[in-house]
Amino acid sequence: MAKDKKGQARARTRLYLITPPQIDSQEFAPLLDEALAAGDVASLQLRLKDDANHPAPQAEIEAAVHALMPIAHHHDVAFILNDDPALAAKLDCDGVHIGQDDMAYAAARAVLGDDKIIGVTCHDSKHLAMEAGEAGADYVAFGAFYETQTKQAKTQADPDILSFWQQFVELPCVAIGGITPENAAPLVAAGADFIAASGSIWGHGEGAAASVRAFNQLFDEAHQK
């Protein structure tokens, strides 16, 4: 088994799901339930955008939270809102994920309080990740590692950044960007604590549940090595 910074067996990699950018929340609800029932999932990030990659209307986001958060909680999955700490606090989400262009971490923490999860996008930058960790973030996200159709990636990350992070920093890291069950193995081996996936889940040819099972099989096999 891979070792962590203290020489102990590293925790098994887990799946971090991200919703499609555009959904009908009522139609999506049973698909989400099926996917979350198919295997271990750590968290679900609600990320709703329009065609120009602007946030969806707040009423649409609120409706999606009300429809989907109970499903996530039924499966013991943390419910994370993208971009908007104030709305996450208002709706009592489990946490928020912020990018470098969103609210600063300190301001987000002031809005959400100490008990909520805050993750920070750090692209391909050790410096940004160190800053986020020192500020108190609960996890950092690196990417994009592969070409992705879900969003316009600003940076291309190398798996070496995961190895560096796993070796020297205890804060969990998430790998994101174009990751599929077929290409995730090098990122798991490099040290990703979580693998974020969206298109490869919801667009999987055999259905979202099959993709969740495939990711978990990969994580199980990697953890047993």
C-alpha atoms as a PDB file:
ATOM      1  CA  MET A   1       0.000   0.000   0.000  1.00  0.00           C
ATOM      2  CA  ALA A   2       1.091   3.574  -0.622  1.00  0.00           C
ATOM      3  CA  LYS A   3       2.420   5.434   2.401  1.00  0.00           C
ATOM      4  CA  ASP A   4       1.409   8.836   3.734  1.00  0.00           C
ATOM      5  CA  LYS A   5       3.691  11.545   5.146  1.00  0.00           C
ATOM      6  CA  LYS A   6       4.071   9.668   8.437  1.00  0.00           C
ATOM      7  CA  GLY A   7       4.950   6.376   6.786  1.00  0.00           C
ATOM      8  CA  GLN A   8       1.548   4.880   7.447  1.00  0.00           C
ATOM      9  CA  ALA A   9      -0.717   3.286   4.845  1.00  0.00           C
ATOM     10  CA  ARG A  10      -2.293   6.081   2.840  1.00  0.00           C
ATOM     11  CA  ALA A  11      -6.045   6.425   2.996  1.00  0.00           C
ATOM     12  CA  ARG A  12      -7.962   5.063   0.039  1.00  0.00           C
ATOM     13  CA  THR A  13      -8.741   7.584  -2.695  1.00  0.00           C
ATOM     14  CA  ARG A  14     -12.398   8.606  -2.807  1.00  0.00           C
ATOM     15  CA  LEU A  15     -14.744  10.032  -5.410  1.00  0.00           C
ATOM     16  CA  TYR A  16     -15.811  13.688  -5.494  1.00  0.00           C
ATOM     17  CA  LEU A  17     -18.793  14.086  -7.814  1.00  0.00           C
ATOM     18  CA  ILE A  18     -19.687  17.315  -9.592  1.00  0.00           C
ATOM     19  CA  THR A  19     -23.105  17.821 -11.161  1.00  0.00           C
ATOM     20  CA  PRO A  20     -23.556  18.614 -14.838  1.00  0.00           C
ATOM     21  CA  PRO A  21     -23.622  22.390 -15.381  1.00  0.00           C
ATOM     22  CA  GLN A  22     -27.250  22.326 -16.528  1.00  0.00           C
ATOM     23  CA  ILE A  23     -29.886  20.036 -15.082  1.00  0.00           C
ATOM     24  CA  ASP A  24     -33.575  19.729 -14.419  1.00  0.00           C
ATOM     25  CA  SER A  25     -33.258  18.999 -10.719  1.00  0.00           C
ATOM     26  CA  GLN A  26     -36.435  16.925 -10.534  1.00  0.00           C
ATOM     27  CA  GLU A  27     -35.377  14.729 -13.447  1.00  0.00           C
ATOM     28  CA  PHE A  28     -31.796  14.554 -12.186  1.00  0.00           C
ATOM     29  CA  ALA A  29     -32.769  13.480  -8.656  1.00  0.00           C
ATOM     30  CA  PRO A  30     -33.390   9.766  -9.391  1.00  0.00           C
ATOM     31  CA  LEU A  31     -30.212   9.584 -11.503  1.00  0.00           C
ATOM     32  CA  LEU A  32     -28.239  11.043  -8.608  1.00  0.00           C
ATOM     33  CA  ASP A  33     -29.810   8.614  -6.169  1.00  0.00           C
ATOM     34  CA  GLU A  34     -28.848   5.685  -8.377  1.00  0.00           C
ATOM     35  CA  ALA A  35     -25.291   6.954  -8.787  1.00  0.00           C
ATOM     36  CA  LEU A  36     -24.749   7.512  -5.072  1.00  0.00           C
ATOM     37  CA  ALA A  37     -26.140   4.066  -4.279  1.00  0.00           C
ATOM     38  CA  ALA A  38     -23.630   2.444  -6.646  1.00  0.00           C
ATOM     39  CA  GLY A  39     -20.508   2.918  -4.531  1.00  0.00           C
ATOM     40  CA  ASP A  40     -18.493   5.074  -2.176  1.00  0.00           C
ATOM     41  CA  VAL A  41     -18.786   8.815  -2.843  1.00  0.00           C
ATOM     42  CA  ALA A  42     -17.288  11.389  -0.495  1.00  0.00           C
ATOM     43  CA  SER A  43     -19.008  14.524  -1.696  1.00  0.00           C
ATOM     44  CA  LEU A  44     -21.235  16.077  -4.309  1.00  0.00           C
ATOM     45  CA  GLN A  45     -20.607  19.568  -5.620  1.00  0.00           C
ATOM     46  CA  LEU A  46     -23.563  21.410  -7.114  1.00  0.00           C
ATOM     47  CA  ARG A  47     -22.132  23.445  -9.981  1.00  0.00           C
ATOM     48  CA  LEU A  48     -24.805  25.037 -12.181  1.00  0.00           C
ATOM     49  CA  LYS A  49     -23.759  27.337 -15.048  1.00  0.00           C
ATOM     50  CA  ASP A  50     -25.317  28.823 -18.182  1.00  0.00           C
ATOM     51  CA  ASP A  51     -23.895  28.472 -21.685  1.00  0.00           C
ATOM     52  CA  ALA A  52     -21.529  31.402 -21.048  1.00  0.00           C
ATOM     53  CA  ASN A  53     -20.245  29.743 -17.842  1.00  0.00           C
ATOM     54  CA  HIS A  54     -22.008  32.276 -15.636  1.00  0.00           C
ATOM     55  CA  PRO A  55     -23.772  31.044 -12.496  1.00  0.00           C
ATOM     56  CA  ALA A  56     -27.344  29.853 -13.000  1.00  0.00           C
ATOM     57  CA  PRO A  57     -30.114  32.032 -11.527  1.00  0.00           C
ATOM     58  CA  GLN A  58     -30.232  31.839  -7.747  1.00  0.00           C
ATOM     59  CA  ALA A  59     -33.790  30.506  -7.737  1.00  0.00           C
ATOM     60  CA  GLU A  60     -32.673  27.598  -9.933  1.00  0.00           C
ATOM     61  CA  ILE A  61     -29.731  26.859  -7.657  1.00  0.00           C
ATOM     62  CA  GLU A  62     -31.938  26.994  -4.556  1.00  0.00           C
ATOM     63  CA  ALA A  63     -34.446  24.616  -6.114  1.00  0.00           C
ATOM     64  CA  ALA A  64     -31.637  22.194  -6.971  1.00  0.00           C
ATOM     65  CA  VAL A  65     -30.266  22.326  -3.432  1.00  0.00           C
ATOM     66  CA  HIS A  66     -33.690  21.554  -1.967  1.00  0.00           C
ATOM     67  CA  ALA A  67     -34.161  18.651  -4.386  1.00  0.00           C
ATOM     68  CA  LEU A  68     -30.686  17.123  -4.265  1.00  0.00           C
ATOM     69  CA  MET A  69     -29.148  17.779  -0.846  1.00  0.00           C
ATOM     70  CA  PRO A  70     -31.512  15.346   0.938  1.00  0.00           C
ATOM     71  CA  ILE A  71     -30.468  12.628  -1.519  1.00  0.00           C
ATOM     72  CA  ALA A  72     -26.792  13.286  -0.837  1.00  0.00           C
ATOM     73  CA  HIS A  73     -27.357  13.206   2.914  1.00  0.00           C
ATOM     74  CA  HIS A  74     -29.345   9.970   2.629  1.00  0.00           C
ATOM     75  CA  HIS A  75     -26.173   8.400   1.232  1.00  0.00           C
ATOM     76  CA  ASP A  76     -23.887  10.119   3.786  1.00  0.00           C
ATOM     77  CA  VAL A  77     -22.407  12.295   1.047  1.00  0.00           C
ATOM     78  CA  ALA A  78     -21.322  15.865   1.832  1.00  0.00           C
ATOM     79  CA  PHE A  79     -23.154  18.493  -0.210  1.00  0.00           C
ATOM     80  CA  ILE A  80     -20.886  21.272  -1.492  1.00  0.00           C
ATOM     81  CA  LEU A  81     -22.090  24.384  -3.315  1.00  0.00           C
ATOM     82  CA  ASN A  82     -19.904  25.945  -5.986  1.00  0.00           C
ATOM     83  CA  ASP A  83     -18.820  29.612  -5.878  1.00  0.00           C
ATOM     84  CA  ASP A  84     -21.325  31.163  -3.459  1.00  0.00           C
ATOM     85  CA  PRO A  85     -20.510  31.075   0.291  1.00  0.00           C
ATOM     86  CA  ALA A  86     -23.447  33.309   1.216  1.00  0.00           C
ATOM     87  CA  LEU A  87     -25.961  31.067  -0.510  1.00  0.00           C
ATOM     88  CA  ALA A  88     -24.293  27.969   0.932  1.00  0.00           C
ATOM     89  CA  ALA A  89     -24.735  29.453   4.394  1.00  0.00           C
ATOM     90  CA  LYS A  90     -28.333  30.457   3.724  1.00  0.00           C
ATOM     91  CA  LEU A  91     -29.252  26.959   2.554  1.00  0.00           C
ATOM     92  CA  ASP A  92     -27.164  25.172   5.213  1.00  0.00           C
ATOM     93  CA  CYS A  93     -25.052  23.269   2.704  1.00  0.00           C
ATOM     94  CA  ASP A  94     -22.177  21.251   4.118  1.00  0.00           C
ATOM     95  CA  GLY A  95     -19.661  23.540   2.479  1.00  0.00           C
ATOM     96  CA  VAL A  96     -18.590  25.575  -0.503  1.00  0.00           C
ATOM     97  CA  HIS A  97     -15.947  25.342  -3.200  1.00  0.00           C
ATOM     98  CA  ILE A  98     -14.341  28.621  -4.237  1.00  0.00           C
ATOM     99  CA  GLY A  99     -12.130  29.497  -7.178  1.00  0.00           C
ATOM    100  CA  GLN A 100      -9.368  32.054  -7.294  1.00  0.00           C
ATOM    101  CA  ASP A 101     -11.791  34.606  -8.766  1.00  0.00           C
ATOM    102  CA  ASP A 102     -14.492  34.030  -6.149  1.00  0.00           C
ATOM    103  CA  MET A 103     -14.731  35.322  -2.587  1.00  0.00           C
ATOM    104  CA  ALA A 104     -11.443  35.174  -0.672  1.00  0.00           C
ATOM    105  CA  TYR A 105     -11.053  32.266   1.732  1.00  0.00           C
ATOM    106  CA  ALA A 106     -11.071  34.413   4.879  1.00  0.00           C
ATOM    107  CA  ALA A 107     -14.290  36.123   3.820  1.00  0.00           C
ATOM    108  CA  ALA A 108     -15.876  32.784   2.930  1.00  0.00           C
ATOM    109  CA  ARG A 109     -14.952  31.368   6.327  1.00  0.00           C
ATOM    110  CA  ALA A 110     -16.443  34.400   8.047  1.00  0.00           C
ATOM    111  CA  VAL A 111     -19.703  33.806   6.182  1.00  0.00           C
ATOM    112  CA  LEU A 112     -19.867  30.035   6.695  1.00  0.00           C
ATOM    113  CA  GLY A 113     -18.428  29.628  10.169  1.00  0.00           C
ATOM    114  CA  ASP A 114     -15.908  27.118  11.438  1.00  0.00           C
ATOM    115  CA  ASP A 115     -17.957  23.936  10.999  1.00  0.00           C
ATOM    116  CA  LYS A 116     -18.429  24.004   7.231  1.00  0.00           C
ATOM    117  CA  ILE A 117     -16.159  22.640   4.510  1.00  0.00           C
ATOM    118  CA  ILE A 118     -14.306  25.114   2.298  1.00  0.00           C
ATOM    119  CA  GLY A 119     -12.292  23.889  -0.666  1.00  0.00           C
ATOM    120  CA  VAL A 120     -10.147  26.087  -2.885  1.00  0.00           C
ATOM    121  CA  THR A 121      -9.164  25.778  -6.543  1.00  0.00           C
ATOM    122  CA  CYS A 122      -5.387  26.096  -6.846  1.00  0.00           C
ATOM    123  CA  HIS A 123      -4.901  25.191 -10.530  1.00  0.00           C
ATOM    124  CA  ASP A 124      -1.292  23.998 -10.974  1.00  0.00           C
ATOM    125  CA  SER A 125       0.195  26.191  -8.233  1.00  0.00           C
ATOM    126  CA  LYS A 126       1.933  24.909  -5.110  1.00  0.00           C
ATOM    127  CA  HIS A 127       2.079  28.514  -3.902  1.00  0.00           C
ATOM    128  CA  LEU A 128      -1.679  29.044  -4.119  1.00  0.00           C
ATOM    129  CA  ALA A 129      -2.246  25.692  -2.427  1.00  0.00           C
ATOM    130  CA  MET A 130       0.148  26.522   0.394  1.00  0.00           C
ATOM    131  CA  GLU A 131      -1.588  29.859   0.918  1.00  0.00           C
ATOM    132  CA  ALA A 132      -4.986  28.161   1.022  1.00  0.00           C
ATOM    133  CA  GLY A 133      -3.742  25.555   3.463  1.00  0.00           C
ATOM    134  CA  GLU A 134      -2.141  28.110   5.754  1.00  0.00           C
ATOM    135  CA  ALA A 135      -5.371  30.130   5.719  1.00  0.00           C
ATOM    136  CA  GLY A 136      -7.320  27.088   6.893  1.00  0.00           C
ATOM    137  CA  ALA A 137      -8.908  25.529   3.801  1.00  0.00           C
ATOM    138  CA  ASP A 138     -10.253  22.001   4.239  1.00  0.00           C
ATOM    139  CA  TYR A 139      -8.929  20.819   0.883  1.00  0.00           C
ATOM    140  CA  VAL A 140      -7.215  22.139  -2.229  1.00  0.00           C
ATOM    141  CA  ALA A 141      -8.013  21.194  -5.826  1.00  0.00           C
ATOM    142  CA  PHE A 142      -5.393  20.841  -8.556  1.00  0.00           C
ATOM    143  CA  GLY A 143      -6.063  20.659 -12.295  1.00  0.00           C
ATOM    144  CA  ALA A 144      -6.922  20.357 -15.021  1.00  0.00           C
ATOM    145  CA  PHE A 145      -5.001  17.128 -15.537  1.00  0.00           C
ATOM    146  CA  TYR A 146      -6.682  16.181 -18.815  1.00  0.00           C
ATOM    147  CA  GLU A 147      -8.716  17.898 -21.472  1.00  0.00           C
ATOM    148  CA  THR A 148     -12.229  18.566 -20.216  1.00  0.00           C
ATOM    149  CA  GLN A 149     -15.490  19.559 -21.868  1.00  0.00           C
ATOM    150  CA  THR A 150     -17.144  20.566 -18.588  1.00  0.00           C
ATOM    151  CA  LYS A 151     -15.408  23.924 -18.259  1.00  0.00           C
ATOM    152  CA  GLN A 152     -12.661  26.007 -19.841  1.00  0.00           C
ATOM    153  CA  ALA A 153      -9.548  24.949 -17.970  1.00  0.00           C
ATOM    154  CA  LYS A 154      -7.148  27.789 -17.143  1.00  0.00           C
ATOM    155  CA  THR A 155      -4.164  25.567 -16.430  1.00  0.00           C
ATOM    156  CA  GLN A 156      -2.694  22.154 -17.209  1.00  0.00           C
ATOM    157  CA  ALA A 157      -1.457  20.382 -14.089  1.00  0.00           C
ATOM    158  CA  ASP A 158       1.166  17.649 -13.887  1.00  0.00           C
ATOM    159  CA  PRO A 159       0.709  14.605 -11.612  1.00  0.00           C
ATOM    160  CA  ASP A 160       4.001  15.530  -9.939  1.00  0.00           C
ATOM    161  CA  ILE A 161       2.166  18.234  -7.993  1.00  0.00           C
ATOM    162  CA  LEU A 162       0.064  15.520  -6.347  1.00  0.00           C
ATOM    163  CA  SER A 163       3.186  13.582  -5.394  1.00  0.00           C
ATOM    164  CA  PHE A 164       4.748  16.703  -3.903  1.00  0.00           C
ATOM    165  CA  TRP A 165       1.590  17.476  -1.964  1.00  0.00           C
ATOM    166  CA  GLN A 166       1.195  13.935  -0.678  1.00  0.00           C
ATOM    167  CA  GLN A 167       4.807  13.862   0.478  1.00  0.00           C
ATOM    168  CA  PHE A 168       4.979  17.172   2.292  1.00  0.00           C
ATOM    169  CA  VAL A 169       1.472  18.400   3.162  1.00  0.00           C
ATOM    170  CA  GLU A 170      -1.251  16.720   5.223  1.00  0.00           C
ATOM    171  CA  LEU A 171      -4.142  18.768   3.816  1.00  0.00           C
ATOM    172  CA  PRO A 172      -6.248  16.643   1.407  1.00  0.00           C
ATOM    173  CA  CYS A 173      -5.944  17.309  -2.307  1.00  0.00           C
ATOM    174  CA  VAL A 174      -8.473  16.828  -5.091  1.00  0.00           C
ATOM    175  CA  ALA A 175      -7.493  16.084  -8.689  1.00  0.00           C
ATOM    176  CA  ILE A 176      -9.856  17.543 -11.273  1.00  0.00           C
ATOM    177  CA  GLY A 177     -10.211  17.940 -15.002  1.00  0.00           C
ATOM    178  CA  GLY A 178     -11.179  15.381 -17.623  1.00  0.00           C
ATOM    179  CA  ILE A 179     -10.671  12.406 -15.319  1.00  0.00           C
ATOM    180  CA  THR A 180     -12.230   9.071 -16.269  1.00  0.00           C
ATOM    181  CA  PRO A 181     -11.982   5.556 -14.846  1.00  0.00           C
ATOM    182  CA  GLU A 182      -9.596   4.817 -17.714  1.00  0.00           C
ATOM    183  CA  ASN A 183      -7.108   7.641 -17.080  1.00  0.00           C
ATOM    184  CA  ALA A 184      -7.366   8.137 -13.308  1.00  0.00           C
ATOM    185  CA  ALA A 185      -4.821   5.511 -12.219  1.00  0.00           C
ATOM    186  CA  PRO A 186      -1.703   7.718 -12.562  1.00  0.00           C
ATOM    187  CA  LEU A 187      -3.361  10.438 -10.481  1.00  0.00           C
ATOM    188  CA  VAL A 188      -4.349   7.975  -7.775  1.00  0.00           C
ATOM    189  CA  ALA A 189      -0.811   6.596  -7.737  1.00  0.00           C
ATOM    190  CA  ALA A 190       0.627  10.111  -7.599  1.00  0.00           C
ATOM    191  CA  GLY A 191      -1.299  10.920  -4.448  1.00  0.00           C
ATOM    192  CA  ALA A 192      -4.790  12.277  -5.134  1.00  0.00           C
ATOM    193  CA  ASP A 193      -6.873  11.967  -1.986  1.00  0.00           C
ATOM    194  CA  PHE A 194     -10.005  12.605  -4.038  1.00  0.00           C
ATOM    195  CA  ILE A 195     -10.778  12.295  -7.732  1.00  0.00           C
ATOM    196  CA  ALA A 196     -13.318  14.828  -9.015  1.00  0.00           C
ATOM    197  CA  ALA A 197     -15.474  13.716 -11.906  1.00  0.00           C
ATOM    198  CA  SER A 198     -18.422  15.130 -13.787  1.00  0.00           C
ATOM    199  CA  GLY A 199     -18.657  14.384 -17.506  1.00  0.00           C
ATOM    200  CA  SER A 200     -17.187  10.902 -17.116  1.00  0.00           C
ATOM    201  CA  ILE A 201     -19.918  10.100 -14.604  1.00  0.00           C
ATOM    202  CA  TRP A 202     -23.049  11.599 -16.121  1.00  0.00           C
ATOM    203  CA  GLY A 203     -22.024  10.953 -19.728  1.00  0.00           C
ATOM    204  CA  HIS A 204     -20.867   7.370 -19.218  1.00  0.00           C
ATOM    205  CA  GLY A 205     -22.143   5.048 -21.922  1.00  0.00           C
ATOM    206  CA  GLU A 206     -23.439   2.505 -19.412  1.00  0.00           C
ATOM    207  CA  GLY A 207     -24.860   5.083 -17.016  1.00  0.00           C
ATOM    208  CA  ALA A 208     -23.654   7.053 -14.036  1.00  0.00           C
ATOM    209  CA  ALA A 209     -23.872   4.124 -11.633  1.00  0.00           C
ATOM    210  CA  ALA A 210     -21.548   2.072 -13.833  1.00  0.00           C
ATOM    211  CA  SER A 211     -18.992   4.878 -13.798  1.00  0.00           C
ATOM    212  CA  VAL A 212     -19.165   5.189 -10.001  1.00  0.00           C
ATOM    213  CA  ARG A 213     -18.576   1.443  -9.729  1.00  0.00           C
ATOM    214  CA  ALA A 214     -15.635   1.630 -12.152  1.00  0.00           C
ATOM    215  CA  PHE A 215     -13.969   4.442 -10.222  1.00  0.00           C
ATOM    216  CA  ASN A 216     -14.400   2.597  -6.939  1.00  0.00           C
ATOM    217  CA  GLN A 217     -12.988  -0.604  -8.372  1.00  0.00           C
ATOM    218  CA  LEU A 218      -9.924   1.363  -9.466  1.00  0.00           C
ATOM    219  CA  PHE A 219      -9.547   2.929  -6.006  1.00  0.00           C
ATOM    220  CA  ASP A 220      -9.909  -0.452  -4.306  1.00  0.00           C
ATOM    221  CA  GLU A 221      -7.285  -2.052  -6.532  1.00  0.00           C
ATOM    222  CA  ALA A 222      -4.859   0.830  -6.066  1.00  0.00           C
ATOM    223  CA  HIS A 223      -5.273   0.737  -2.293  1.00  0.00           C
ATOM    224  CA  GLN A 224      -4.520  -2.965  -2.143  1.00  0.00           C
ATOM    225  CA  LYS A 225      -1.188  -2.638  -3.961  1.00  0.00           C
END
